[in-house]
PDB file of all heavy atoms in Angstrom:
ATOM      1  N   LEU A   1       2.747  10.575 -11.864  1.00  0.00           N
ATOM      2  CA  LEU A   1       1.930   9.870 -12.851  1.00  0.00           C
ATOM      3  C   LEU A   1       2.370  10.223 -14.266  1.00  0.00           C
ATOM      4  O   LEU A   1       2.513   9.346 -15.123  1.00  0.00           O
ATOM      5  CB  LEU A   1       0.455  10.209 -12.638  1.00  0.00           C
ATOM      6  CG  LEU A   1      -0.572   9.423 -13.420  1.00  0.00           C
ATOM      7  CD1 LEU A   1      -0.465   7.931 -13.126  1.00  0.00           C
ATOM      8  CD2 LEU A   1      -1.969   9.919 -13.082  1.00  0.00           C
ATOM      9  N   ALA A   2       2.624  11.484 -14.513  1.00  0.00           N
ATOM     10  CA  ALA A   2       3.078  11.914 -15.840  1.00  0.00           C
ATOM     11  C   ALA A   2       4.422  11.289 -16.189  1.00  0.00           C
ATOM     12  O   ALA A   2       4.708  11.015 -17.364  1.00  0.00           O
ATOM     13  CB  ALA A   2       3.175  13.431 -15.893  1.00  0.00           C
ATOM     14  N   GLY A   3       5.227  11.018 -15.183  1.00  0.00           N
ATOM     15  CA  GLY A   3       6.525  10.379 -15.414  1.00  0.00           C
ATOM     16  C   GLY A   3       6.412   9.012 -16.065  1.00  0.00           C
ATOM     17  O   GLY A   3       7.322   8.572 -16.765  1.00  0.00           O
ATOM     18  N   ILE A   4       5.291   8.363 -15.861  1.00  0.00           N
ATOM     19  CA  ILE A   4       5.069   7.058 -16.496  1.00  0.00           C
ATOM     20  C   ILE A   4       5.015   7.221 -18.004  1.00  0.00           C
ATOM     21  O   ILE A   4       5.664   6.494 -18.744  1.00  0.00           O
ATOM     22  CB  ILE A   4       3.769   6.411 -15.974  1.00  0.00           C
ATOM     23  CG1 ILE A   4       3.882   6.137 -14.471  1.00  0.00           C
ATOM     24  CG2 ILE A   4       3.447   5.138 -16.758  1.00  0.00           C
ATOM     25  CD1 ILE A   4       2.560   5.781 -13.802  1.00  0.00           C
ATOM     26  N   TRP A   5       4.262   8.222 -18.464  1.00  0.00           N
ATOM     27  CA  TRP A   5       4.059   8.406 -19.894  1.00  0.00           C
ATOM     28  C   TRP A   5       5.180   9.183 -20.570  1.00  0.00           C
ATOM     29  O   TRP A   5       5.260   9.194 -21.786  1.00  0.00           O
ATOM     30  CB  TRP A   5       2.714   9.083 -20.158  1.00  0.00           C
ATOM     31  CG  TRP A   5       1.595   8.144 -19.854  1.00  0.00           C
ATOM     32  CD1 TRP A   5       1.194   7.105 -20.631  1.00  0.00           C
ATOM     33  CD2 TRP A   5       0.768   8.127 -18.710  1.00  0.00           C
ATOM     34  NE1 TRP A   5       0.148   6.444 -20.019  1.00  0.00           N
ATOM     35  CE2 TRP A   5      -0.132   7.054 -18.842  1.00  0.00           C
ATOM     36  CE3 TRP A   5       0.684   8.926 -17.567  1.00  0.00           C
ATOM     37  CZ2 TRP A   5      -1.092   6.755 -17.892  1.00  0.00           C
ATOM     38  CZ3 TRP A   5      -0.277   8.628 -16.616  1.00  0.00           C
ATOM     39  CH2 TRP A   5      -1.152   7.542 -16.788  1.00  0.00           C
ATOM     40  N   THR A   6       6.029   9.825 -19.791  1.00  0.00           N
ATOM     41  CA  THR A   6       7.128  10.570 -20.403  1.00  0.00           C
ATOM     42  C   THR A   6       8.446   9.815 -20.314  1.00  0.00           C
ATOM     43  O   THR A   6       9.486  10.345 -20.693  1.00  0.00           O
ATOM     44  CB  THR A   6       7.275  11.969 -19.760  1.00  0.00           C
ATOM     45  OG1 THR A   6       7.488  11.830 -18.359  1.00  0.00           O
ATOM     46  CG2 THR A   6       6.044  12.813 -20.036  1.00  0.00           C
ATOM     47  N   SER A   7       8.405   8.602 -19.825  1.00  0.00           N
ATOM     48  CA  SER A   7       9.608   7.767 -19.789  1.00  0.00           C
ATOM     49  C   SER A   7      10.117   7.534 -21.199  1.00  0.00           C
ATOM     50  O   SER A   7       9.345   7.503 -22.157  1.00  0.00           O
ATOM     51  CB  SER A   7       9.293   6.419 -19.133  1.00  0.00           C
ATOM     52  OG  SER A   7       8.890   6.598 -17.807  1.00  0.00           O
ATOM     53  N   LEU A   8      11.408   7.365 -21.328  1.00  0.00           N
ATOM     54  CA  LEU A   8      12.009   7.191 -22.646  1.00  0.00           C
ATOM     55  C   LEU A   8      11.831   5.784 -23.206  1.00  0.00           C
ATOM     56  O   LEU A   8      11.814   5.599 -24.418  1.00  0.00           O
ATOM     57  CB  LEU A   8      13.493   7.551 -22.610  1.00  0.00           C
ATOM     58  CG  LEU A   8      13.793   9.017 -22.311  1.00  0.00           C
ATOM     59  CD1 LEU A   8      15.299   9.238 -22.257  1.00  0.00           C
ATOM     60  CD2 LEU A   8      13.147   9.925 -23.348  1.00  0.00           C
ATOM     61  N   THR A   9      11.711   4.799 -22.327  1.00  0.00           N
ATOM     62  CA  THR A   9      11.593   3.420 -22.788  1.00  0.00           C
ATOM     63  C   THR A   9      10.411   2.730 -22.113  1.00  0.00           C
ATOM     64  O   THR A   9       9.948   3.166 -21.046  1.00  0.00           O
ATOM     65  CB  THR A   9      12.862   2.603 -22.464  1.00  0.00           C
ATOM     66  OG1 THR A   9      12.980   2.487 -21.038  1.00  0.00           O
ATOM     67  CG2 THR A   9      14.103   3.249 -23.054  1.00  0.00           C
ATOM     68  N   LEU A  10       9.967   1.656 -22.707  1.00  0.00           N
ATOM     69  CA  LEU A  10       8.890   0.862 -22.133  1.00  0.00           C
ATOM     70  C   LEU A  10       9.307   0.299 -20.776  1.00  0.00           C
ATOM     71  O   LEU A  10       8.522   0.302 -19.832  1.00  0.00           O
ATOM     72  CB  LEU A  10       8.501  -0.274 -23.092  1.00  0.00           C
ATOM     73  CG  LEU A  10       7.455  -1.259 -22.587  1.00  0.00           C
ATOM     74  CD1 LEU A  10       6.154  -0.545 -22.245  1.00  0.00           C
ATOM     75  CD2 LEU A  10       7.217  -2.346 -23.622  1.00  0.00           C
ATOM     76  N   GLU A  11      10.529  -0.162 -20.669  1.00  0.00           N
ATOM     77  CA  GLU A  11      11.009  -0.725 -19.407  1.00  0.00           C
ATOM     78  C   GLU A  11      10.992   0.320 -18.297  1.00  0.00           C
ATOM     79  O   GLU A  11      10.574   0.042 -17.176  1.00  0.00           O
ATOM     80  CB  GLU A  11      12.425  -1.294 -19.577  1.00  0.00           C
ATOM     81  CG  GLU A  11      12.504  -2.491 -20.495  1.00  0.00           C
ATOM     82  CD  GLU A  11      12.372  -2.139 -21.979  1.00  0.00           C
ATOM     83  OE1 GLU A  11      12.688  -0.988 -22.376  1.00  0.00           O
ATOM     84  OE2 GLU A  11      11.931  -3.011 -22.748  1.00  0.00           O
ATOM     85  N   GLU A  12      11.427   1.538 -18.619  1.00  0.00           N
ATOM     86  CA  GLU A  12      11.405   2.622 -17.642  1.00  0.00           C
ATOM     87  C   GLU A  12       9.963   2.954 -17.247  1.00  0.00           C
ATOM     88  O   GLU A  12       9.662   3.180 -16.076  1.00  0.00           O
ATOM     89  CB  GLU A  12      12.097   3.854 -18.211  1.00  0.00           C
ATOM     90  CG  GLU A  12      12.186   5.014 -17.245  1.00  0.00           C
ATOM     91  CD  GLU A  12      12.824   6.240 -17.855  1.00  0.00           C
ATOM     92  OE1 GLU A  12      13.666   6.113 -18.765  1.00  0.00           O
ATOM     93  OE2 GLU A  12      12.464   7.345 -17.421  1.00  0.00           O
ATOM     94  N   ALA A  13       9.060   2.965 -18.215  1.00  0.00           N
ATOM     95  CA  ALA A  13       7.657   3.248 -17.942  1.00  0.00           C
ATOM     96  C   ALA A  13       7.057   2.180 -17.028  1.00  0.00           C
ATOM     97  O   ALA A  13       6.312   2.503 -16.091  1.00  0.00           O
ATOM     98  CB  ALA A  13       6.875   3.339 -19.250  1.00  0.00           C
ATOM     99  N   ARG A  14       7.381   0.934 -17.288  1.00  0.00           N
ATOM    100  CA  ARG A  14       6.874  -0.150 -16.431  1.00  0.00           C
ATOM    101  C   ARG A  14       7.406  -0.018 -15.013  1.00  0.00           C
ATOM    102  O   ARG A  14       6.681  -0.265 -14.042  1.00  0.00           O
ATOM    103  CB  ARG A  14       7.259  -1.508 -17.016  1.00  0.00           C
ATOM    104  CG  ARG A  14       6.430  -1.888 -18.212  1.00  0.00           C
ATOM    105  CD  ARG A  14       6.804  -3.260 -18.724  1.00  0.00           C
ATOM    106  NE  ARG A  14       5.937  -3.625 -19.827  1.00  0.00           N
ATOM    107  CZ  ARG A  14       6.289  -4.452 -20.792  1.00  0.00           C
ATOM    108  NH1 ARG A  14       7.499  -5.006 -20.800  1.00  0.00           N
ATOM    109  NH2 ARG A  14       5.441  -4.745 -21.765  1.00  0.00           N
ATOM    110  N   THR A  15       8.668   0.369 -14.888  1.00  0.00           N
ATOM    111  CA  THR A  15       9.265   0.576 -13.566  1.00  0.00           C
ATOM    112  C   THR A  15       8.561   1.726 -12.846  1.00  0.00           C
ATOM    113  O   THR A  15       8.234   1.622 -11.660  1.00  0.00           O
ATOM    114  CB  THR A  15      10.775   0.858 -13.697  1.00  0.00           C
ATOM    115  OG1 THR A  15      11.400  -0.261 -14.318  1.00  0.00           O
ATOM    116  CG2 THR A  15      11.418   1.119 -12.348  1.00  0.00           C
ATOM    117  N   GLN A  16       8.321   2.809 -13.557  1.00  0.00           N
ATOM    118  CA  GLN A  16       7.616   3.965 -12.980  1.00  0.00           C
ATOM    119  C   GLN A  16       6.198   3.577 -12.557  1.00  0.00           C
ATOM    120  O   GLN A  16       5.726   3.979 -11.494  1.00  0.00           O
ATOM    121  CB  GLN A  16       7.551   5.111 -14.003  1.00  0.00           C
ATOM    122  CG  GLN A  16       8.872   5.711 -14.354  1.00  0.00           C
ATOM    123  CD  GLN A  16       9.313   6.763 -13.342  1.00  0.00           C
ATOM    124  OE1 GLN A  16       8.542   7.206 -12.503  1.00  0.00           O
ATOM    125  NE2 GLN A  16      10.561   7.146 -13.427  1.00  0.00           N
ATOM    126  N   LEU A  17       5.527   2.816 -13.400  1.00  0.00           N
ATOM    127  CA  LEU A  17       4.160   2.377 -13.103  1.00  0.00           C
ATOM    128  C   LEU A  17       4.136   1.496 -11.856  1.00  0.00           C
ATOM    129  O   LEU A  17       3.299   1.679 -10.967  1.00  0.00           O
ATOM    130  CB  LEU A  17       3.569   1.632 -14.298  1.00  0.00           C
ATOM    131  CG  LEU A  17       2.158   1.073 -14.148  1.00  0.00           C
ATOM    132  CD1 LEU A  17       1.159   2.186 -13.844  1.00  0.00           C
ATOM    133  CD2 LEU A  17       1.755   0.325 -15.414  1.00  0.00           C
ATOM    134  N   ALA A  18       5.056   0.559 -11.768  1.00  0.00           N
ATOM    135  CA  ALA A  18       5.114  -0.325 -10.600  1.00  0.00           C
ATOM    136  C   ALA A  18       5.409   0.474  -9.330  1.00  0.00           C
ATOM    137  O   ALA A  18       4.806   0.222  -8.276  1.00  0.00           O
ATOM    138  CB  ALA A  18       6.175  -1.399 -10.820  1.00  0.00           C
ATOM    139  N   ALA A  19       6.308   1.434  -9.420  1.00  0.00           N
ATOM    140  CA  ALA A  19       6.643   2.266  -8.261  1.00  0.00           C
ATOM    141  C   ALA A  19       5.432   3.099  -7.837  1.00  0.00           C
ATOM    142  O   ALA A  19       5.145   3.229  -6.636  1.00  0.00           O
ATOM    143  CB  ALA A  19       7.828   3.165  -8.586  1.00  0.00           C
ATOM    144  N   PHE A  20       4.727   3.645  -8.793  1.00  0.00           N
ATOM    145  CA  PHE A  20       3.547   4.447  -8.513  1.00  0.00           C
ATOM    146  C   PHE A  20       2.493   3.596  -7.811  1.00  0.00           C
ATOM    147  O   PHE A  20       1.929   3.995  -6.789  1.00  0.00           O
ATOM    148  CB  PHE A  20       2.992   5.036  -9.808  1.00  0.00           C
ATOM    149  CG  PHE A  20       1.854   5.982  -9.598  1.00  0.00           C
ATOM    150  CD1 PHE A  20       2.077   7.330  -9.394  1.00  0.00           C
ATOM    151  CD2 PHE A  20       0.546   5.523  -9.603  1.00  0.00           C
ATOM    152  CE1 PHE A  20       1.023   8.206  -9.184  1.00  0.00           C
ATOM    153  CE2 PHE A  20      -0.519   6.392  -9.403  1.00  0.00           C
ATOM    154  CZ  PHE A  20      -0.279   7.738  -9.190  1.00  0.00           C
ATOM    155  N   LYS A  21       2.232   2.422  -8.350  1.00  0.00           N
ATOM    156  CA  LYS A  21       1.228   1.540  -7.753  1.00  0.00           C
ATOM    157  C   LYS A  21       1.634   1.130  -6.339  1.00  0.00           C
ATOM    158  O   LYS A  21       0.804   1.109  -5.434  1.00  0.00           O
ATOM    159  CB  LYS A  21       1.002   0.310  -8.628  1.00  0.00           C
ATOM    160  CG  LYS A  21       0.309   0.651  -9.922  1.00  0.00           C
ATOM    161  CD  LYS A  21      -0.111  -0.523 -10.768  1.00  0.00           C
ATOM    162  CE  LYS A  21       0.780  -1.698 -10.811  1.00  0.00           C
ATOM    163  NZ  LYS A  21       0.370  -2.730 -11.777  1.00  0.00           N
ATOM    164  N   GLY A  22       2.906   0.814  -6.159  1.00  0.00           N
ATOM    165  CA  GLY A  22       3.384   0.425  -4.838  1.00  0.00           C
ATOM    166  C   GLY A  22       3.270   1.542  -3.818  1.00  0.00           C
ATOM    167  O   GLY A  22       2.889   1.317  -2.665  1.00  0.00           O
ATOM    168  N   LYS A  23       3.562   2.744  -4.236  1.00  0.00           N
ATOM    169  CA  LYS A  23       3.545   3.893  -3.327  1.00  0.00           C
ATOM    170  C   LYS A  23       2.132   4.288  -2.904  1.00  0.00           C
ATOM    171  O   LYS A  23       1.899   4.639  -1.757  1.00  0.00           O
ATOM    172  CB  LYS A  23       4.239   5.074  -3.993  1.00  0.00           C
ATOM    173  CG  LYS A  23       4.319   6.304  -3.117  1.00  0.00           C
ATOM    174  CD  LYS A  23       5.120   7.397  -3.783  1.00  0.00           C
ATOM    175  CE  LYS A  23       5.220   8.628  -2.888  1.00  0.00           C
ATOM    176  NZ  LYS A  23       6.054   9.675  -3.506  1.00  0.00           N
ATOM    177  N   TYR A  24       1.182   4.210  -3.832  1.00  0.00           N
ATOM    178  CA  TYR A  24      -0.152   4.755  -3.564  1.00  0.00           C
ATOM    179  C   TYR A  24      -1.255   3.711  -3.393  1.00  0.00           C
ATOM    180  O   TYR A  24      -2.402   4.076  -3.160  1.00  0.00           O
ATOM    181  CB  TYR A  24      -0.541   5.737  -4.674  1.00  0.00           C
ATOM    182  CG  TYR A  24       0.333   6.959  -4.681  1.00  0.00           C
ATOM    183  CD1 TYR A  24       1.263   7.165  -5.698  1.00  0.00           C
ATOM    184  CD2 TYR A  24       0.241   7.907  -3.667  1.00  0.00           C
ATOM    185  CE1 TYR A  24       2.076   8.291  -5.694  1.00  0.00           C
ATOM    186  CE2 TYR A  24       1.052   9.031  -3.665  1.00  0.00           C
ATOM    187  CZ  TYR A  24       1.972   9.221  -4.673  1.00  0.00           C
ATOM    188  OH  TYR A  24       2.773  10.325  -4.666  1.00  0.00           O
TER     189      TYR A  24
END
């Protein structure tokens, strides 16, 4: 979850968020 907010770019954060939602 913290990886979403510590991503370097918005695109990376969106990718992390989508992966998190898909996984859980």
